[in-house]
Protein backbone atom coordinates (compact mmCIF):
# COMPACT_ATOMS: atom_id res chain seq x y z
CA MET A 1 2.06 7.71 20.68
CA ILE A 2 -1.58 7.40 20.66
CA VAL A 3 -1.72 9.83 17.43
CA GLY A 4 0.82 7.97 15.59
CA TYR A 5 -1.51 4.73 15.97
CA ILE A 6 -4.79 6.80 15.17
CA LEU A 7 -3.14 7.86 12.03
CA ALA A 8 -1.68 4.77 10.79
CA LEU A 9 -5.40 2.99 11.05
CA LEU A 10 -6.87 6.10 9.66
CA ALA A 11 -4.15 5.71 6.48
CA ALA A 12 -5.03 1.72 6.34
CA LEU A 13 -9.16 2.88 6.61
CA ALA A 14 -8.41 5.44 3.71
CA SER A 15 -6.16 3.27 1.63
CA GLY A 16 -8.45 0.23 1.86
CA SER A 17 -11.33 2.79 0.62
CA GLY A 18 -9.59 4.29 -2.08
CA SER A 19 -8.92 1.01 -4.24
CA VAL A 20 -12.30 -0.32 -4.22
CA LEU A 21 -13.28 3.30 -5.56
CA GLU A 22 -10.31 3.50 -7.64
CA SER A 23 -11.26 -0.71 -9.03
CA ILE A 24 -14.69 0.87 -9.71
CA GLY A 25 -13.78 3.68 -11.74
CA VAL A 26 -11.10 1.17 -13.96
CA ARG A 27 -14.00 -1.39 -14.40
CA ARG A 28 -16.97 1.40 -15.21
CA ALA A 29 -14.58 2.79 -17.72
CA GLY A 30 -14.33 -0.77 -19.69
CA ALA A 31 -10.27 -0.61 -19.11
CA TYR A 32 -10.51 -3.74 -17.12
CA GLY A 33 -9.06 -6.86 -19.03
CA GLY A 34 -7.47 -4.09 -21.77
CA SER A 35 -4.53 -2.33 -22.76
CA ALA A 36 -2.94 0.10 -20.80
CA LEU A 37 -4.04 2.52 -23.39
CA ASP A 38 -7.56 1.60 -22.28
CA LEU A 39 -6.59 3.54 -18.72
CA VAL A 40 -7.18 7.03 -20.73
CA HIS A 41 -11.02 6.49 -20.61
CA VAL A 42 -10.70 6.68 -16.43
CA ARG A 43 -10.45 10.75 -17.05
CA ARG A 44 -14.11 10.53 -17.57
CA GLN A 45 -14.75 8.06 -14.47
CA TRP A 46 -15.11 10.41 -11.18
CA ILE A 47 -15.48 7.72 -8.93
CA TYR A 48 -11.48 6.95 -9.85
CA PHE A 49 -10.20 10.36 -8.99
CA LEU A 50 -12.56 10.32 -5.79
CA GLY A 51 -10.77 7.22 -5.00
CA ILE A 52 -7.35 8.72 -5.40
CA GLY A 53 -8.25 11.44 -3.64
CA VAL A 54 -8.84 9.10 -1.07
CA ASP A 55 -5.78 7.70 -1.27
CA LEU A 56 -3.82 10.94 -1.11
CA VAL A 57 -5.65 11.40 2.54
CA GLY A 58 -4.03 8.36 3.71
CA PHE A 59 -0.77 8.67 2.62
CA ALA A 60 -1.23 12.14 4.40
CA CYS A 61 -2.18 9.84 7.73
CA ALA A 62 0.44 7.84 6.72
CA ALA A 63 3.86 9.88 6.30
CA ALA A 64 2.88 12.05 9.56
CA ALA A 65 2.21 8.58 11.19
CA LEU A 66 5.95 7.30 10.24
CA GLN A 67 7.12 10.70 11.92
CA ARG A 68 6.38 8.93 15.22
CA LEU A 69 6.25 5.33 14.64
CA PRO A 70 8.86 2.77 13.14
CA LEU A 71 8.04 1.59 9.48
CA PHE A 72 7.51 -2.35 10.64
CA LEU A 73 4.14 -1.26 12.32
CA VAL A 74 2.81 2.14 10.09
CA GLN A 75 4.06 -0.66 6.73
CA SER A 76 2.30 -3.71 8.41
CA VAL A 77 -1.26 -1.85 9.86
CA LEU A 78 -1.12 -0.38 6.17
CA ALA A 79 -1.24 -4.08 4.98
CA PHE A 80 -4.52 -4.50 7.22
CA SER A 81 -6.30 -2.14 4.63
CA VAL A 82 -6.72 -5.48 2.35
CA GLY A 83 -9.34 -6.15 5.20
CA VAL A 84 -10.71 -2.86 4.38
CA THR A 85 -11.09 -3.89 0.97
CA ALA A 86 -12.31 -7.20 1.84
CA THR A 87 -15.24 -5.81 3.95
CA ILE A 88 -15.99 -2.89 1.45
CA SER A 89 -15.97 -5.29 -1.67
CA ALA A 90 -18.40 -7.71 0.45
CA PHE A 91 -20.81 -4.98 1.25
CA MET A 92 -20.70 -4.80 -2.57
CA GLY A 93 -21.52 -8.40 -3.38
CA THR A 94 -18.16 -9.77 -3.19
CA ARG A 95 -18.27 -13.63 -1.75
CA LEU A 96 -14.93 -14.34 0.33
CA ALA A 97 -14.45 -17.56 1.93
CA ALA A 98 -14.85 -18.26 5.06
CA GLN A 99 -11.03 -18.85 5.38
CA GLY A 100 -10.14 -15.63 3.59
CA TRP A 101 -11.65 -13.84 7.11
CA ALA A 102 -9.86 -16.45 9.36
CA ALA A 103 -6.98 -15.03 7.50
CA LEU A 104 -7.63 -11.55 8.25
CA GLY A 105 -8.38 -12.15 11.70
CA VAL A 106 -4.60 -14.12 11.55
CA GLY A 107 -3.46 -10.89 10.45
CA ALA A 108 -5.26 -8.70 13.05
CA VAL A 109 -3.34 -10.85 15.39
CA GLY A 110 -0.14 -10.12 14.26
CA LEU A 111 -0.98 -6.11 13.73
CA VAL A 112 -1.24 -6.20 17.76
CA LEU A 113 1.86 -8.36 18.50
CA LEU A 114 3.62 -5.52 16.46
CA GLY A 115 1.74 -2.50 18.03
CA LEU A 116 2.84 -3.89 21.76
CA SER A 117 6.51 -4.66 20.18
CA ALA A 118 6.85 -0.80 18.45
CA GLN A 119 9.22 1.72 19.80
CA PRO A 120 8.17 4.85 19.16
CA GLY A 121 10.68 7.63 17.61
CA PRO A 122 12.99 9.55 15.01
CA ALA A 123 14.28 7.43 12.07
CA LYS A 124 18.25 7.39 11.66
CA VAL A 125 19.70 9.92 9.01
CA LEU A 126 20.51 8.54 5.75
CA PRO A 127 23.59 9.16 4.17
CA SER A 128 23.50 12.08 1.52
CA ALA A 129 24.27 9.46 -1.21
CA TRP A 130 21.18 6.94 -0.43
CA ARG A 131 19.35 10.08 -0.29
CA TRP A 132 19.07 10.62 -4.42
CA VAL A 133 19.15 6.60 -4.86
CA LEU A 134 15.68 6.49 -2.97
CA PRO A 135 14.17 9.31 -6.09
CA ALA A 136 15.64 7.11 -8.93
CA MET A 137 13.86 3.89 -7.67
CA ALA A 138 10.78 5.80 -9.56
CA LEU A 139 12.68 4.25 -12.94
CA VAL A 140 12.74 0.77 -11.51
CA VAL A 141 9.11 0.88 -10.22
CA GLY A 142 8.04 2.95 -13.81
CA ALA A 143 10.46 0.15 -15.92
CA ILE A 144 8.90 -3.25 -14.85
CA ALA A 145 5.56 -1.24 -15.38
CA TRP A 146 5.89 -0.36 -18.49
CA TYR A 147 7.55 -3.95 -19.49
CA PHE A 148 4.43 -6.21 -18.15
CA ARG A 149 1.75 -3.63 -18.96
CA ARG A 150 1.76 -5.89 -22.40
CA PHE A 151 0.68 -9.52 -20.87
CA ASP A 152 -2.58 -10.36 -20.50
CA ARG A 153 -2.32 -12.84 -17.86
CA PRO A 154 -3.21 -12.88 -13.63
CA TRP A 155 0.66 -13.10 -13.09
CA ALA A 156 1.20 -9.58 -14.56
CA ALA A 157 -1.57 -8.44 -12.14
CA GLN A 158 1.09 -10.25 -9.17
CA VAL A 159 4.16 -8.76 -10.74
CA LEU A 160 2.43 -5.06 -11.04
CA GLY A 161 1.13 -5.61 -7.41
CA PHE A 162 4.81 -6.06 -6.59
CA ALA A 163 5.89 -3.06 -8.33
CA THR A 164 3.63 -1.10 -6.97
CA GLY A 165 4.37 -2.76 -3.12
CA VAL A 166 8.22 -1.91 -3.82
CA GLY A 167 7.10 1.82 -5.10
CA PHE A 168 5.18 2.47 -1.89
CA SER A 169 8.06 0.91 0.21
CA VAL A 170 10.09 3.94 -1.13
CA VAL A 171 7.66 6.19 -0.16
CA GLY A 172 7.45 5.18 3.25
CA VAL A 173 11.31 4.96 3.51
CA SER A 174 11.33 8.79 2.37
CA ALA A 175 8.52 9.90 4.51
CA ARG A 176 10.30 7.84 7.56
CA THR A 177 13.64 9.94 7.00
CA LEU A 178 12.59 12.95 5.99
CA GLU A 179 13.65 15.94 7.45
CA LEU A 180 11.43 19.02 7.35
CA PRO A 181 13.43 22.10 6.78
CA SER A 182 12.54 25.66 8.74
CA SER A 183 11.54 27.37 5.53
CA GLY A 184 8.72 26.42 3.34
CA TRP A 185 10.55 26.77 0.29
CA ALA A 186 13.64 24.53 1.11
CA ILE A 187 11.56 21.68 1.39
CA LEU A 188 11.76 21.58 -2.46
CA ALA A 189 15.42 20.72 -2.50
CA GLU A 190 14.89 17.47 -0.06
CA PRO A 191 15.56 14.46 -1.95
CA ALA A 192 13.08 12.65 0.58
CA VAL A 193 10.14 14.82 -0.99
CA TRP A 194 10.96 14.41 -4.36
CA ALA A 195 10.88 10.45 -3.83
CA MET A 196 7.59 10.46 -2.22
CA ILE A 197 6.11 12.27 -5.25
CA LEU A 198 8.25 10.48 -8.30
CA ASN A 199 8.10 6.77 -6.63
CA GLY A 200 4.52 7.74 -5.26
CA LEU A 201 3.11 8.26 -8.85
CA ALA A 202 5.01 5.30 -10.30
CA ALA A 203 3.23 3.28 -8.04
CA ALA A 204 -0.08 4.39 -9.09
CA VAL A 205 0.41 3.99 -12.41
CA ALA A 206 1.40 0.62 -11.54
CA PHE A 207 -1.21 -0.05 -9.43
CA ALA A 208 -4.22 1.39 -12.30
CA LEU A 209 -2.07 -1.70 -14.40
CA ALA A 210 -2.61 -4.37 -11.93
CA LEU A 211 -6.27 -3.15 -11.23
CA GLN A 212 -6.88 -4.19 -15.04
CA LYS A 213 -5.98 -7.70 -14.79
CA GLY A 214 -6.56 -8.02 -10.94
CA GLY A 215 -8.85 -7.89 -8.36
CA ALA A 216 -8.60 -5.30 -6.00
CA THR A 217 -8.22 -7.08 -3.17
CA ALA A 218 -5.61 -9.39 -4.46
CA VAL A 219 -3.87 -6.82 -5.97
CA ASN A 220 -3.60 -4.83 -2.23
CA ALA A 221 -2.51 -8.31 -0.77
CA ILE A 222 0.14 -8.89 -2.82
CA MET A 223 1.33 -4.39 -2.98
CA PHE A 224 1.27 -4.74 1.06
CA THR A 225 3.23 -7.46 1.41
CA THR A 226 5.72 -6.49 -0.71
CA ASN A 227 5.66 -3.24 1.43
CA THR A 228 5.32 -4.53 4.61
CA ALA A 229 8.45 -6.60 4.41
CA LEU A 230 11.14 -4.44 2.31
CA SER A 231 9.83 -1.81 4.61
CA SER A 232 10.22 -3.74 7.43
CA VAL A 233 13.99 -4.74 7.25
CA ILE A 234 15.15 -1.41 5.48
CA GLY A 235 13.83 0.36 8.65
CA LEU A 236 15.38 -2.61 11.18
CA VAL A 237 18.55 -2.52 9.74
CA PHE A 238 19.40 0.76 8.36
CA LEU A 239 16.96 3.10 9.59
CA ASP A 240 17.26 2.13 13.58
CA ASP A 241 13.83 1.20 14.04
CA ARG A 242 13.57 0.04 17.38
CA VAL A 243 12.01 -2.76 19.22
CA ARG A 244 10.86 -2.46 23.05
CA ASP A 245 13.39 -4.69 25.03
CA GLY A 246 11.79 -8.57 25.33
CA PHE A 247 9.53 -8.28 22.57
CA THR A 248 11.36 -9.49 19.67
CA THR A 249 9.43 -12.79 19.73
CA PHE A 250 6.65 -10.34 19.57
CA THR A 251 7.89 -8.41 16.22
CA VAL A 252 8.92 -11.74 14.36
CA ALA A 253 5.63 -13.55 15.46
CA GLY A 254 3.38 -10.47 14.52
CA LEU A 255 5.45 -9.68 11.14
CA ILE A 256 4.84 -13.70 10.23
CA LEU A 257 0.93 -13.20 10.77
CA ALA A 258 0.66 -10.03 9.02
CA MET A 259 2.29 -10.91 5.80
CA SER A 260 0.55 -14.58 6.14
CA GLY A 261 -2.68 -13.09 6.71
CA ALA A 262 -2.62 -11.31 3.51
CA ILE A 263 -1.55 -13.38 1.23
CA VAL A 264 -3.99 -16.30 2.40
CA THR A 265 -6.76 -13.82 2.03
CA ALA A 266 -4.89 -13.33 -1.85
CA HIS A 267 -4.86 -16.88 -2.04
CA TYR A 268 -9.17 -16.72 -1.76
CA ALA A 269 -9.71 -13.28 -3.08
CA THR A 270 -8.71 -14.61 -6.54
CA GLN A 271 -11.40 -17.33 -6.34
CA ALA A 272 -14.13 -14.73 -5.64
CA THR A 273 -15.87 -12.83 -8.01
CA GLU A 274 -16.06 -8.85 -8.18
CA PRO A 275 -18.23 -6.93 -7.82
CA VAL A 276 -18.67 -5.49 -11.19
CA ARG A 277 -22.12 -5.22 -12.15
CA THR A 278 -22.76 -4.29 -8.18
CA ALA A 279 -20.80 -1.96 -7.32
CA GLU A 280 -21.38 0.08 -10.88
CA ARG A 281 -25.25 0.10 -10.16
CA ALA A 282 -24.48 1.89 -6.57
CA TYR A 283 -22.17 4.56 -8.20
CA ARG A 284 -23.94 5.71 -11.27
């Protein structure tokens, strides 16, 4: 159980750090605020790919944690990576209002309550038909990203952040329900593996598009709020994720506090000045 908590915390640190690095790469490439085609310029930004690499490390830690802990706990810990992003951005010059920091504190309290209420254990096996629905969800995420990429409006970043959250939620559900086969090659026939790959790629594209139109902290907050809420419902209703006896109130309060903290942080982060010039000078 302790290992699961450590892995979840490492995943949050990696995810928050990777988001900042990717945001810097998008901005240094001159793609921020431009069209989707401008994203081709990030191929020359090593820091963007460093961010992806850090994100992959975080994904591996999260997948391992999900084999041990319920979705509502791991995804809530991942949602707190918005605090990691805000903290790193603050050191780079972004000014987050005091209310934003207070909101992060509220979210942290929520995570503590969730940690106390979670009952470790494996997930319920999904029916075979539903296991193939998960890979197909990548088409839904991709369609949202393709359609809303054309709108140069602040709300477009929010919609794309929502699509990213849906994609990563499917990745989380897939990782939670993954059954590791005895043979190494047999894993290629496992629908959950393809669901993680396809939805992860679709969510990564949606996230890059969202970073073009909004700040990393705000996009992260929307993404992880969606991810946490959707994953928690799926885990508790369909995957037999369990709450300790007598701790249901802790779970409900923890989810409310964790998501409220992320939402309020997003509100104040949109009013902050993103560290474009400072970050660029730091990484050139």
